N, C-alpha and C. Protein backbone atom coordinates (compact mmCIF):
# COMPACT_ATOMS: atom_id res chain seq x y z
N UNK A 1 121.65 151.81 39.93
CA UNK A 1 122.75 151.61 39.75
C UNK A 1 123.58 152.46 39.85
N UNK A 2 124.93 152.66 40.46
CA UNK A 2 125.65 153.91 40.91
C UNK A 2 126.70 154.39 39.86
N UNK A 3 126.73 155.33 39.25
CA UNK A 3 127.54 155.74 38.16
C UNK A 3 128.12 157.05 38.54
N UNK A 4 129.53 157.32 38.16
CA UNK A 4 129.92 158.94 38.51
C UNK A 4 129.53 159.92 37.63
N UNK A 5 129.74 161.10 37.37
CA UNK A 5 128.93 161.85 36.29
C UNK A 5 129.66 161.63 35.15
N UNK A 6 130.69 160.68 34.64
CA UNK A 6 131.18 160.18 33.14
C UNK A 6 130.51 159.13 32.92
N UNK A 7 129.63 158.77 33.50
CA UNK A 7 129.11 157.03 33.58
C UNK A 7 130.21 156.21 34.13
N UNK A 8 130.90 156.31 34.34
CA UNK A 8 132.06 154.98 34.71
C UNK A 8 131.50 154.54 36.14
N UNK A 9 131.78 153.07 36.68
CA UNK A 9 131.59 152.74 37.64
C UNK A 9 132.26 153.52 38.58
N UNK A 10 131.70 153.71 39.95
CA UNK A 10 131.71 154.06 40.91
C UNK A 10 132.84 153.15 41.70
N UNK A 11 134.25 153.80 42.35
CA UNK A 11 135.07 152.97 42.67
C UNK A 11 134.69 153.05 44.19
N UNK A 12 134.53 151.85 44.60
CA UNK A 12 134.54 151.51 46.47
C UNK A 12 135.80 151.16 47.20
N UNK A 13 135.76 151.68 48.16
CA UNK A 13 136.64 150.91 49.46
C UNK A 13 135.84 150.61 50.72
N UNK A 14 136.12 149.40 50.68
CA UNK A 14 135.25 148.19 51.61
C UNK A 14 136.05 148.57 53.01
N UNK A 15 135.20 149.42 54.10
CA UNK A 15 135.61 149.29 55.64
C UNK A 15 135.41 148.58 56.28
N UNK A 16 136.63 147.37 56.20
CA UNK A 16 136.55 146.43 57.12
C UNK A 16 136.84 144.97 56.80
N UNK A 17 137.40 144.17 56.64
CA UNK A 17 138.20 143.13 55.90
C UNK A 17 137.57 141.89 56.68
N UNK A 18 136.89 141.64 58.19
CA UNK A 18 135.97 140.56 58.31
C UNK A 18 135.15 140.08 57.84
N UNK A 19 134.15 139.33 58.64
CA UNK A 19 133.14 138.80 58.04
C UNK A 19 132.35 139.53 56.92
N UNK A 20 131.95 140.56 57.81
CA UNK A 20 130.99 141.45 57.09
C UNK A 20 131.57 141.97 55.27
N UNK A 21 133.09 142.21 55.49
CA UNK A 21 133.35 142.80 54.50
C UNK A 21 133.76 141.84 53.45
N UNK A 22 133.86 140.44 53.85
CA UNK A 22 133.70 139.28 53.12
C UNK A 22 132.35 139.14 52.42
N UNK A 23 131.40 139.44 53.31
CA UNK A 23 130.10 139.33 52.13
C UNK A 23 129.86 140.46 51.58
N UNK A 24 130.43 141.71 52.04
CA UNK A 24 130.10 142.81 50.40
C UNK A 24 130.93 142.12 49.71
N UNK A 25 132.02 141.97 49.82
CA UNK A 25 132.87 142.17 48.61
C UNK A 25 132.36 140.85 47.30
N UNK A 26 131.51 139.68 48.39
CA UNK A 26 131.11 138.78 47.24
C UNK A 26 129.73 139.36 46.64
N UNK A 27 129.27 139.84 47.15
CA UNK A 27 127.81 140.74 46.64
C UNK A 27 128.27 141.82 45.18
N UNK A 28 129.48 142.46 45.59
CA UNK A 28 129.97 142.87 44.43
C UNK A 28 130.63 142.08 43.24
N UNK A 29 131.30 141.00 43.45
CA UNK A 29 131.73 140.13 43.05
C UNK A 29 130.69 139.40 41.74
N UNK A 30 129.36 139.10 42.55
CA UNK A 30 128.31 138.46 42.11
C UNK A 30 127.60 139.49 41.26
N UNK A 31 127.40 140.66 41.59
CA UNK A 31 126.50 141.83 41.10
C UNK A 31 127.18 141.98 39.98
N UNK A 32 128.56 142.57 39.96
CA UNK A 32 128.92 142.75 38.61
C UNK A 32 129.05 144.31 38.28
N UNK A 33 129.13 144.23 36.88
CA UNK A 33 128.87 145.48 36.31
C UNK A 33 127.61 146.20 36.65
N UNK A 34 126.47 145.10 36.95
CA UNK A 34 125.31 145.88 36.90
C UNK A 34 125.08 146.93 38.14
N UNK A 35 126.01 146.47 39.19
CA UNK A 35 125.88 147.32 40.07
C UNK A 35 126.23 148.81 40.10
N UNK A 36 127.27 148.98 39.21
CA UNK A 36 127.77 150.34 38.96
C UNK A 36 128.97 150.63 40.21
N UNK A 37 129.42 149.67 40.93
CA UNK A 37 130.10 149.85 41.74
C UNK A 37 131.16 148.84 41.32
N UNK A 38 132.71 149.27 41.56
CA UNK A 38 134.00 148.58 41.26
C UNK A 38 135.09 148.61 42.67
N UNK A 39 135.02 147.48 43.31
CA UNK A 39 135.19 147.06 44.47
C UNK A 39 137.15 147.47 44.14
N UNK A 40 137.28 148.10 45.18
CA UNK A 40 138.84 148.58 44.78
C UNK A 40 140.01 147.63 45.96
N UNK A 41 139.20 147.30 46.86
CA UNK A 41 140.01 146.72 48.22
C UNK A 41 139.21 147.04 49.36
N UNK A 42 140.12 146.98 50.23
CA UNK A 42 139.53 146.90 52.00
C UNK A 42 140.75 148.08 52.41
N UNK A 43 139.84 148.42 53.44
CA UNK A 43 140.71 149.24 54.70
C UNK A 43 140.25 148.43 55.84
N UNK A 44 141.14 148.11 56.85
CA UNK A 44 141.06 147.67 58.29
C UNK A 44 141.96 148.14 59.31
N UNK A 45 141.74 148.35 60.33
CA UNK A 45 142.45 149.05 61.68
C UNK A 45 143.47 147.52 62.07
N UNK A 46 142.75 146.37 61.74
CA UNK A 46 143.26 145.50 61.98
C UNK A 46 144.72 145.05 61.58
N UNK A 47 146.11 145.60 62.18
CA UNK A 47 147.34 145.60 61.40
C UNK A 47 147.88 143.96 60.89
N UNK A 48 147.10 142.78 61.06
CA UNK A 48 147.28 141.66 60.95
C UNK A 48 146.90 141.51 59.43
N UNK A 49 145.91 142.21 59.04
CA UNK A 49 145.28 142.02 57.58
C UNK A 49 145.80 143.14 56.90
N UNK A 50 146.27 144.02 57.10
CA UNK A 50 147.02 144.75 56.12
C UNK A 50 147.81 144.26 55.44
N UNK A 51 147.84 144.77 54.18
CA UNK A 51 148.94 143.53 53.15
C UNK A 51 148.21 142.18 52.75
N UNK A 52 147.56 141.66 53.80
CA UNK A 52 146.77 140.37 53.09
C UNK A 52 145.67 140.93 51.96
N UNK A 53 145.55 139.77 51.33
CA UNK A 53 144.58 139.62 49.99
C UNK A 53 143.15 138.67 50.61
N UNK A 54 142.05 139.31 50.57
CA UNK A 54 140.74 138.99 51.05
C UNK A 54 139.69 138.55 49.53
N UNK A 55 139.86 137.47 49.42
CA UNK A 55 138.39 137.46 48.17
C UNK A 55 138.93 137.87 47.27
N UNK A 56 140.30 137.81 46.86
CA UNK A 56 140.62 138.66 45.49
C UNK A 56 141.26 139.91 45.85
N UNK A 57 140.82 140.79 46.82
CA UNK A 57 140.84 142.21 47.10
C UNK A 57 142.10 142.14 47.46
N UNK A 58 143.01 142.98 48.12
CA UNK A 58 143.82 143.88 49.00
C UNK A 58 143.37 144.35 49.87
N UNK A 59 144.13 144.40 51.22
CA UNK A 59 143.81 145.24 52.12
C UNK A 59 144.94 146.11 52.25
N UNK A 60 144.41 147.52 51.72
CA UNK A 60 145.29 148.63 51.30
C UNK A 60 145.99 149.08 52.84
N UNK A 61 145.27 149.37 53.40
CA UNK A 61 145.82 149.86 54.81
C UNK A 61 145.11 150.11 56.03
N UNK A 62 145.40 150.92 56.78
CA UNK A 62 144.32 151.10 57.87
C UNK A 62 143.51 152.40 57.33
N UNK A 63 142.12 152.19 58.54
CA UNK A 63 141.35 153.49 58.17
C UNK A 63 141.69 154.91 57.53
N UNK A 64 142.93 154.83 58.35
CA UNK A 64 143.42 156.58 57.73
C UNK A 64 143.75 156.23 56.35
N UNK A 65 144.34 155.53 55.94
CA UNK A 65 144.85 155.50 54.66
C UNK A 65 143.87 156.03 53.52
N UNK A 66 142.59 155.86 53.91
CA UNK A 66 141.34 156.43 52.74
C UNK A 66 142.08 157.90 52.51
N UNK A 67 142.37 158.66 53.13
CA UNK A 67 142.87 159.92 52.75
C UNK A 67 143.94 159.82 51.51
N UNK A 68 144.47 158.68 51.38
CA UNK A 68 145.46 158.88 49.94
C UNK A 68 145.17 157.95 49.33
N UNK A 69 143.93 157.06 49.49
CA UNK A 69 143.85 156.26 48.23
C UNK A 69 142.54 156.96 47.41
N UNK A 70 142.89 156.39 45.70
CA UNK A 70 141.74 156.87 45.02
C UNK A 70 140.38 156.15 45.03
N UNK A 71 139.30 156.61 45.44
CA UNK A 71 138.50 156.14 45.49
C UNK A 71 137.37 157.31 45.29
N UNK A 72 135.79 156.65 45.02
CA UNK A 72 134.85 157.61 44.99
C UNK A 72 133.93 157.41 46.25
N UNK A 73 133.60 156.37 46.78
CA UNK A 73 132.94 155.82 48.06
C UNK A 73 133.11 154.69 48.81
N UNK A 74 132.81 154.42 49.76
CA UNK A 74 132.94 153.87 50.78
C UNK A 74 131.79 152.95 51.41
N UNK A 75 131.50 151.43 51.24
CA UNK A 75 130.95 150.73 52.03
C UNK A 75 131.41 150.31 53.53
N UNK A 76 130.73 150.60 54.52
CA UNK A 76 130.96 150.35 55.65
C UNK A 76 130.55 148.88 56.40
N UNK A 77 131.41 148.08 56.30
CA UNK A 77 131.09 146.50 56.37
C UNK A 77 131.49 146.19 57.53
N UNK A 78 130.98 146.64 58.76
CA UNK A 78 131.43 146.42 59.88
C UNK A 78 130.33 145.65 60.80
N UNK A 79 130.29 144.16 61.41
CA UNK A 79 129.08 143.86 61.97
C UNK A 79 128.43 144.56 63.06
N UNK A 80 129.11 144.96 64.25
CA UNK A 80 128.99 145.44 65.06
C UNK A 80 127.88 146.94 65.22
N UNK A 81 126.86 147.04 65.39
CA UNK A 81 126.07 147.95 65.04
C UNK A 81 126.44 149.26 65.85
N UNK A 82 127.22 149.50 66.99
CA UNK A 82 127.74 150.88 67.29
C UNK A 82 128.55 151.20 66.67
N UNK A 83 129.72 150.05 66.49
CA UNK A 83 131.07 150.55 65.66
C UNK A 83 130.55 150.90 64.62
N UNK A 84 129.69 150.27 63.86
CA UNK A 84 129.45 150.74 62.23
C UNK A 84 129.23 152.21 62.43
N UNK A 85 128.13 152.39 63.22
CA UNK A 85 127.93 153.87 63.59
C UNK A 85 128.05 154.90 63.63
N UNK A 86 129.36 154.52 64.47
CA UNK A 86 130.34 155.45 64.65
C UNK A 86 131.61 155.65 63.75
N UNK A 87 131.88 154.54 62.95
CA UNK A 87 132.36 154.98 62.00
C UNK A 87 131.91 155.43 60.76
N UNK A 88 130.82 155.05 60.50
CA UNK A 88 129.84 155.95 59.15
C UNK A 88 129.84 157.16 59.70
N UNK A 89 129.56 157.91 60.74
CA UNK A 89 129.27 159.10 60.91
C UNK A 89 130.52 159.58 60.78
N UNK A 90 131.47 159.03 61.54
CA UNK A 90 133.01 160.07 61.78
C UNK A 90 133.25 159.93 59.68
N UNK A 91 133.06 158.98 58.94
CA UNK A 91 133.19 159.16 57.57
C UNK A 91 132.48 160.19 56.94
N UNK A 92 131.14 160.06 56.96
CA UNK A 92 130.31 161.23 56.36
C UNK A 92 130.97 162.48 56.67
N UNK A 93 131.06 162.94 58.29
CA UNK A 93 131.22 164.18 58.51
C UNK A 93 132.97 164.36 57.93
N UNK A 94 134.02 163.74 57.53
CA UNK A 94 134.69 163.91 56.49
C UNK A 94 134.87 164.10 55.29
N UNK A 95 133.48 164.13 55.07
CA UNK A 95 133.48 164.00 53.35
C UNK A 95 132.89 162.95 52.78
N UNK A 96 133.51 161.75 53.25
CA UNK A 96 133.45 160.60 52.36
C UNK A 96 131.82 160.17 51.98
N UNK A 97 131.36 159.71 50.94
CA UNK A 97 130.45 159.22 50.48
C UNK A 97 130.21 157.93 50.54
N UNK A 98 129.20 157.35 51.29
CA UNK A 98 128.63 156.12 52.16
C UNK A 98 127.56 155.57 51.24
N UNK A 99 127.99 154.13 50.18
CA UNK A 99 127.11 153.43 49.49
C UNK A 99 127.02 152.46 50.01
N UNK A 100 125.58 151.75 49.37
CA UNK A 100 125.27 150.34 49.91
C UNK A 100 125.32 149.37 48.73
N UNK A 101 125.00 148.05 49.44
CA UNK A 101 125.16 146.97 48.53
C UNK A 101 124.19 146.21 48.42
N UNK A 102 123.39 145.67 47.42
CA UNK A 102 122.67 144.68 47.15
C UNK A 102 122.59 143.33 46.46
N UNK A 103 122.83 141.81 46.90
CA UNK A 103 122.77 140.95 46.37
C UNK A 103 121.91 140.64 45.26
N UNK A 104 122.11 140.61 43.72
CA UNK A 104 121.38 140.50 42.84
C UNK A 104 120.24 139.43 43.55
N UNK A 105 120.36 138.81 44.16
CA UNK A 105 119.43 137.62 44.59
C UNK A 105 118.64 137.96 45.76
N UNK A 106 118.24 139.04 45.93
CA UNK A 106 117.05 139.54 46.89
C UNK A 106 116.19 140.33 46.23
N UNK A 107 114.95 140.82 47.00
CA UNK A 107 113.91 141.10 46.36
C UNK A 107 113.30 142.65 47.04
N UNK A 108 113.24 143.26 46.64
CA UNK A 108 113.26 144.68 47.17
C UNK A 108 111.84 145.02 46.58
N UNK A 109 111.05 145.56 47.16
CA UNK A 109 109.64 146.12 46.46
C UNK A 109 110.22 147.43 46.16
N UNK A 110 109.49 147.97 45.13
CA UNK A 110 109.38 149.32 44.33
C UNK A 110 109.44 150.30 45.11
N UNK A 111 108.69 150.16 46.48
CA UNK A 111 107.69 151.09 47.45
C UNK A 111 108.86 151.26 48.33
N UNK A 112 109.59 150.43 48.35
CA UNK A 112 110.29 150.19 50.16
C UNK A 112 111.60 151.50 49.38
N UNK A 113 111.93 151.81 51.02
CA UNK A 113 112.64 152.87 50.97
C UNK A 113 114.52 152.21 51.58
N UNK A 114 115.32 152.42 50.87
CA UNK A 114 116.53 151.93 51.71
C UNK A 114 117.56 153.17 51.69
N UNK A 115 117.84 153.24 52.79
CA UNK A 115 118.54 154.33 53.02
C UNK A 115 120.13 154.02 52.46
N UNK A 116 121.09 155.13 52.62
CA UNK A 116 122.41 154.97 52.32
C UNK A 116 123.18 154.03 53.27
N UNK A 117 124.14 153.13 52.60
CA UNK A 117 125.25 152.18 53.16
C UNK A 117 124.10 151.46 54.08
N UNK A 118 123.34 150.69 53.23
CA UNK A 118 122.57 149.35 53.56
C UNK A 118 123.36 148.32 52.91
N UNK A 119 123.34 147.19 53.51
CA UNK A 119 124.12 146.08 53.17
C UNK A 119 122.52 144.60 52.71
N UNK A 120 122.49 144.59 51.81
CA UNK A 120 120.89 143.52 51.66
C UNK A 120 121.86 142.25 51.00
N UNK A 121 121.74 140.98 51.70
CA UNK A 121 122.48 140.06 51.63
C UNK A 121 121.58 139.01 50.71
N UNK A 122 121.79 138.17 50.21
CA UNK A 122 121.25 136.55 49.25
C UNK A 122 119.92 136.31 49.78
N UNK A 123 119.19 136.25 49.47
CA UNK A 123 117.66 135.62 49.26
C UNK A 123 117.17 136.60 50.48
N UNK A 124 117.54 137.74 50.86
CA UNK A 124 116.66 138.79 51.76
C UNK A 124 115.56 139.34 50.69
N UNK A 125 114.22 139.84 51.86
CA UNK A 125 113.27 140.01 51.20
C UNK A 125 112.45 141.02 51.70
N UNK A 126 112.62 142.23 51.13
CA UNK A 126 111.81 143.71 51.52
C UNK A 126 110.59 143.68 50.90
N UNK A 127 109.36 143.88 51.46
CA UNK A 127 108.22 144.11 50.61
C UNK A 127 107.99 145.61 50.69
N UNK A 128 106.85 145.76 50.20
CA UNK A 128 105.86 147.20 50.12
C UNK A 128 105.72 148.09 51.37
N UNK A 129 106.17 149.18 51.35
CA UNK A 129 106.24 150.37 52.25
C UNK A 129 107.47 150.33 53.38
N UNK A 130 107.95 149.19 52.99
CA UNK A 130 109.10 149.04 54.09
C UNK A 130 109.98 150.08 54.15
N UNK A 131 110.95 150.54 55.01
CA UNK A 131 111.73 151.68 55.26
C UNK A 131 112.58 151.25 56.15
N UNK A 132 114.18 151.37 55.73
CA UNK A 132 115.61 150.96 56.03
C UNK A 132 116.21 152.46 56.17
N UNK A 133 116.36 152.52 57.33
CA UNK A 133 117.33 154.06 57.87
C UNK A 133 118.64 153.68 57.32
N UNK A 134 119.64 154.31 57.50
CA UNK A 134 121.36 154.53 56.83
C UNK A 134 121.82 153.11 57.91
N UNK A 135 122.76 152.56 56.85
CA UNK A 135 123.62 151.44 57.60
C UNK A 135 122.88 150.34 57.92
N UNK A 136 121.88 149.70 57.74
CA UNK A 136 121.01 148.70 58.15
C UNK A 136 121.66 147.65 57.52
N UNK A 137 122.02 146.24 58.24
CA UNK A 137 122.01 145.12 57.71
C UNK A 137 121.08 144.52 57.64
N UNK A 138 120.85 143.73 56.42
CA UNK A 138 119.84 142.74 56.10
C UNK A 138 120.10 141.43 55.84
N UNK A 139 120.87 140.49 56.55
CA UNK A 139 121.48 139.36 56.29
C UNK A 139 120.65 138.17 55.45
N UNK A 140 121.32 137.07 55.19
CA UNK A 140 120.70 136.15 54.26
C UNK A 140 119.50 135.48 54.48
N UNK A 141 118.74 135.52 53.60
CA UNK A 141 117.21 135.06 53.88
C UNK A 141 116.47 135.58 54.88
N UNK A 142 116.81 136.87 55.26
CA UNK A 142 116.04 137.79 56.33
C UNK A 142 114.66 138.49 55.31
N UNK A 143 113.60 138.62 55.98
CA UNK A 143 112.53 138.95 55.57
C UNK A 143 111.92 140.34 56.34
N UNK A 144 111.25 141.63 55.72
CA UNK A 144 111.16 142.71 56.32
C UNK A 144 109.95 142.57 55.47
N UNK A 145 108.52 142.63 56.34
CA UNK A 145 107.59 142.85 55.75
C UNK A 145 106.78 144.43 55.63
N UNK A 146 106.07 144.48 55.22
CA UNK A 146 105.14 145.93 54.50
C UNK A 146 105.28 146.74 55.90
N UNK A 147 105.52 147.94 55.36
CA UNK A 147 105.25 149.10 56.37
C UNK A 147 106.13 149.17 57.48
N UNK A 148 106.87 147.74 57.38
CA UNK A 148 107.82 148.25 58.46
C UNK A 148 108.98 149.08 58.81
N UNK A 149 109.53 149.45 59.90
CA UNK A 149 110.57 150.77 59.77
C UNK A 149 111.68 150.08 60.50
N UNK A 150 112.73 150.16 60.08
CA UNK A 150 114.02 149.71 60.65
C UNK A 150 115.04 150.85 60.73
N UNK A 151 115.27 151.08 61.80
CA UNK A 151 116.10 152.27 61.72
C UNK A 151 117.55 152.42 61.54
N UNK A 152 118.73 153.62 61.85
CA UNK A 152 119.79 153.44 61.41
C UNK A 152 120.20 152.41 62.11
N UNK A 153 120.90 151.80 61.63
CA UNK A 153 122.37 151.03 61.96
C UNK A 153 121.67 149.74 62.78
N UNK A 154 120.77 149.35 62.72
CA UNK A 154 120.26 148.01 62.79
C UNK A 154 120.62 147.23 62.23
N UNK A 155 120.60 145.83 62.55
CA UNK A 155 120.62 144.39 61.77
C UNK A 155 120.02 143.23 62.27
N UNK A 156 119.54 143.10 60.81
CA UNK A 156 118.09 142.25 60.93
C UNK A 156 119.08 140.57 60.64
N UNK A 157 119.39 139.54 61.11
CA UNK A 157 120.33 138.55 61.25
C UNK A 157 119.62 137.71 60.16
N UNK A 158 120.42 136.71 59.85
CA UNK A 158 120.35 135.42 59.16
C UNK A 158 118.81 134.70 59.33
N UNK A 159 118.12 134.95 58.68
CA UNK A 159 116.66 133.95 58.68
C UNK A 159 115.70 134.58 59.64
N UNK A 160 115.99 135.87 59.99
CA UNK A 160 114.99 136.85 60.93
C UNK A 160 113.70 137.17 59.78
N UNK A 161 112.67 136.72 60.73
CA UNK A 161 111.51 137.52 60.35
C UNK A 161 111.05 138.66 60.79
N UNK A 162 110.86 139.83 60.34
CA UNK A 162 109.72 140.94 60.70
C UNK A 162 108.49 140.98 60.41
N UNK A 163 107.65 140.64 60.51
CA UNK A 163 105.80 141.14 60.30
C UNK A 163 105.86 142.47 59.85
N UNK A 164 104.22 142.96 59.12
CA UNK A 164 104.32 143.87 58.76
C UNK A 164 104.16 145.07 59.99
N UNK A 165 104.13 146.34 59.59
CA UNK A 165 103.90 147.51 60.62
C UNK A 165 104.86 147.52 61.87
N UNK A 166 105.71 146.78 61.89
CA UNK A 166 106.44 146.55 63.09
C UNK A 166 107.82 148.02 62.88
N UNK A 167 108.52 148.38 64.15
CA UNK A 167 109.35 148.97 64.55
C UNK A 167 110.11 148.63 65.12
N UNK A 168 111.71 148.78 64.54
CA UNK A 168 113.23 148.07 64.87
C UNK A 168 113.84 149.44 65.23
N UNK A 169 114.27 149.80 66.48
CA UNK A 169 115.12 150.99 66.61
C UNK A 169 116.66 150.62 66.35
N UNK A 170 116.99 152.12 66.36
CA UNK A 170 118.49 152.08 65.91
C UNK A 170 119.45 151.25 66.88
N UNK A 171 120.23 150.72 65.78
CA UNK A 171 121.44 149.72 66.23
C UNK A 171 120.97 148.57 66.92
N UNK A 172 119.66 148.49 66.83
CA UNK A 172 118.86 147.40 67.43
C UNK A 172 119.45 145.55 66.74
N UNK A 173 119.63 144.71 67.52
CA UNK A 173 119.81 143.59 66.68
C UNK A 173 118.75 142.39 66.69
N UNK A 174 118.22 141.79 65.57
CA UNK A 174 117.37 140.92 65.30
C UNK A 174 117.99 139.64 65.10
N UNK A 175 118.26 138.66 66.37
CA UNK A 175 119.40 137.56 66.06
C UNK A 175 118.86 136.45 65.22
N UNK A 176 119.54 135.57 64.61
CA UNK A 176 119.36 134.74 63.98
C UNK A 176 118.10 133.97 64.22
N UNK A 177 117.40 133.68 63.27
CA UNK A 177 115.93 133.01 62.95
C UNK A 177 114.72 133.65 64.07
N UNK A 178 115.30 134.72 64.54
CA UNK A 178 113.99 135.19 65.52
C UNK A 178 113.16 136.03 64.63
N UNK A 179 111.87 136.00 65.41
CA UNK A 179 110.38 136.51 64.47
C UNK A 179 109.75 137.74 65.54
N UNK A 180 109.76 138.72 64.80
CA UNK A 180 108.99 139.87 65.41
C UNK A 180 108.05 140.26 64.97
N UNK A 181 106.57 139.84 65.46
CA UNK A 181 104.94 139.94 65.04
C UNK A 181 104.69 141.03 64.88
N UNK A 182 103.63 141.21 63.46
CA UNK A 182 103.49 142.45 63.30
C UNK A 182 102.98 143.42 64.06
N UNK A 183 103.50 144.86 63.83
CA UNK A 183 102.91 145.67 64.90
C UNK A 183 103.54 145.96 66.00
N UNK A 184 104.94 145.14 65.97
CA UNK A 184 105.61 145.32 67.70
C UNK A 184 106.56 146.20 67.47
N UNK A 185 106.88 146.56 68.71
CA UNK A 185 108.05 147.60 68.65
C UNK A 185 109.28 146.69 69.27
N UNK A 186 110.82 147.06 68.90
CA UNK A 186 111.71 146.53 69.93
C UNK A 186 113.08 148.02 69.73
N UNK A 187 112.89 148.17 70.92
CA UNK A 187 113.51 149.09 70.82
C UNK A 187 115.21 149.75 70.68
N UNK A 188 115.68 150.83 70.56
CA UNK A 188 116.89 150.97 70.06
C UNK A 188 118.00 150.27 70.96
N UNK A 189 119.03 149.74 70.20
CA UNK A 189 120.02 148.88 71.18
C UNK A 189 119.81 148.26 71.64
N UNK A 190 118.70 147.57 71.61
CA UNK A 190 118.01 146.14 71.96
C UNK A 190 118.60 145.23 71.07
N UNK A 191 118.73 143.53 72.11
CA UNK A 191 119.07 142.81 71.16
C UNK A 191 118.11 141.63 71.77
N UNK A 192 118.02 141.08 70.42
CA UNK A 192 116.73 139.79 70.60
C UNK A 192 117.41 138.56 69.68
N UNK A 193 117.36 137.74 71.13
CA UNK A 193 118.07 136.56 70.75
C UNK A 193 117.78 135.49 69.59
N UNK A 194 118.70 134.47 69.19
CA UNK A 194 118.87 134.04 67.90
C UNK A 194 117.12 132.94 68.51
N UNK A 195 116.53 132.90 67.31
CA UNK A 195 114.92 132.16 67.50
C UNK A 195 113.84 132.32 68.47
N UNK A 196 114.27 134.00 68.90
CA UNK A 196 113.26 134.39 69.76
C UNK A 196 112.19 134.56 69.10
N UNK A 197 111.16 134.66 69.95
CA UNK A 197 109.91 135.28 69.31
C UNK A 197 109.10 136.72 70.03
N UNK A 198 109.36 137.35 69.22
CA UNK A 198 108.52 138.79 69.80
C UNK A 198 107.27 138.74 69.75
N UNK A 199 106.22 138.83 70.80
CA UNK A 199 104.83 138.94 71.01
C UNK A 199 104.84 140.15 71.70
N UNK A 200 105.39 140.86 72.09
CA UNK A 200 105.01 142.20 72.71
C UNK A 200 106.03 143.07 72.68
N UNK A 201 105.98 144.12 72.83
CA UNK A 201 106.76 145.33 72.52
C UNK A 201 108.21 145.47 73.69
N UNK A 202 109.45 145.35 73.05
CA UNK A 202 110.50 145.66 74.43
C UNK A 202 111.45 146.93 74.27
N UNK A 203 111.88 147.46 75.15
CA UNK A 203 111.99 148.66 75.30
C UNK A 203 113.46 148.79 74.94
N UNK A 204 114.38 150.12 75.07
CA UNK A 204 115.51 150.35 74.26
C UNK A 204 116.35 149.78 75.40
N UNK A 205 117.82 148.97 74.60
CA UNK A 205 118.72 149.01 75.76
C UNK A 205 118.52 147.87 76.67
N UNK A 206 117.95 147.04 75.89
CA UNK A 206 117.73 145.09 77.11
C UNK A 206 118.17 144.08 75.94
N UNK A 207 118.14 143.01 76.64
CA UNK A 207 118.39 141.92 75.68
C UNK A 207 117.28 140.85 76.23
N UNK A 208 117.03 140.32 75.18
CA UNK A 208 115.41 139.52 75.36
C UNK A 208 115.66 138.17 74.66
N UNK A 209 115.29 137.00 75.24
CA UNK A 209 115.25 135.57 74.29
C UNK A 209 114.16 135.15 74.93
N UNK A 210 114.05 133.82 73.94
CA UNK A 210 113.12 133.00 74.57
C UNK A 210 111.54 132.95 73.66
N UNK A 211 110.95 131.81 73.75
CA UNK A 211 109.69 132.01 73.12
C UNK A 211 108.45 131.84 74.34
N UNK A 212 107.59 133.27 74.33
CA UNK A 212 107.96 134.18 73.96
C UNK A 212 109.39 134.84 74.12
N UNK A 213 109.74 136.11 73.67
CA UNK A 213 110.80 136.80 74.19
C UNK A 213 110.60 137.57 75.71
N UNK A 214 111.25 137.22 76.24
CA UNK A 214 111.37 137.71 77.65
C UNK A 214 112.39 138.44 77.77
N UNK A 215 112.55 139.98 78.80
CA UNK A 215 113.67 140.54 78.70
C UNK A 215 114.41 139.93 80.11
N UNK A 216 115.70 139.60 79.73
CA UNK A 216 116.38 139.04 80.71
C UNK A 216 117.56 139.89 81.35
N UNK A 217 118.04 140.78 80.53
CA UNK A 217 118.69 142.02 81.42
C UNK A 217 118.93 143.12 80.47
N UNK A 218 119.31 144.19 80.88
CA UNK A 218 119.71 145.18 80.49
C UNK A 218 121.21 145.36 80.13
N UNK A 219 121.44 145.88 78.77
CA UNK A 219 122.86 145.78 78.01
C UNK A 219 123.52 146.98 78.39
C-alpha cells in the first residue's frame, strides 16, 4: 500500500487519458482504499480531451499543468513504449514521483521484483523471481514465468505468455496472444506480433511474427 507520511492515501494524477489511462483509472477504482492511492484526475496533451470527464475523473489540463496541480505522485499511462519512457524520465528528472498500479485480481509472487511505474492488469500472473524494470505494462491475462527479466518500459500485451528464465529487452512489445519460450531473449525495441511463437532469440530493433516467429523487417 502507498501512503504518505501522515498515513493518508497518495494523491495520484494519471498522465494520459486514452485507453491505457482508462485501464489505470479502472484499476484504481476497483482497488479502492486498499491500493493506498487516490486518483485526482488525468492530464493529457490532446486538447480535445482537456475539460472532459473520463470514467468519472476530470481531465485537468495538459501535461504542463502538473506544476500547478496538488498531487503526490503520477502514473504514466501511455501505451506507446518509447513515449512512455520519454515522458517518465522527463517527469522523474523534474522531481515527480512515479508509482505503479496493480489490479486486485492479478497474482504476483512474493519474490518477484516490480519496478516503479509498472501497470499490472486484471488476470496477469507474475511468478517467483521474475523481475520487471521501470514502467512495464503487463496487460490483461498476460503471464510471466519464473526468473524472467522484463526490462524498462516494455509491454507484455493481453494474453501473452513468457516462459521461465527469458529476457525481454527495454521498450520491447510482446503482442496479443504471443508466446516466448523459456530461456529465449527478445531484444530491446523489438516487436513480436500477435499470436507469434518465439523459439529462437530475437535481436534488437526488429519486427518478428509467425509460428515460429521470424524477423520480417527492422524497425
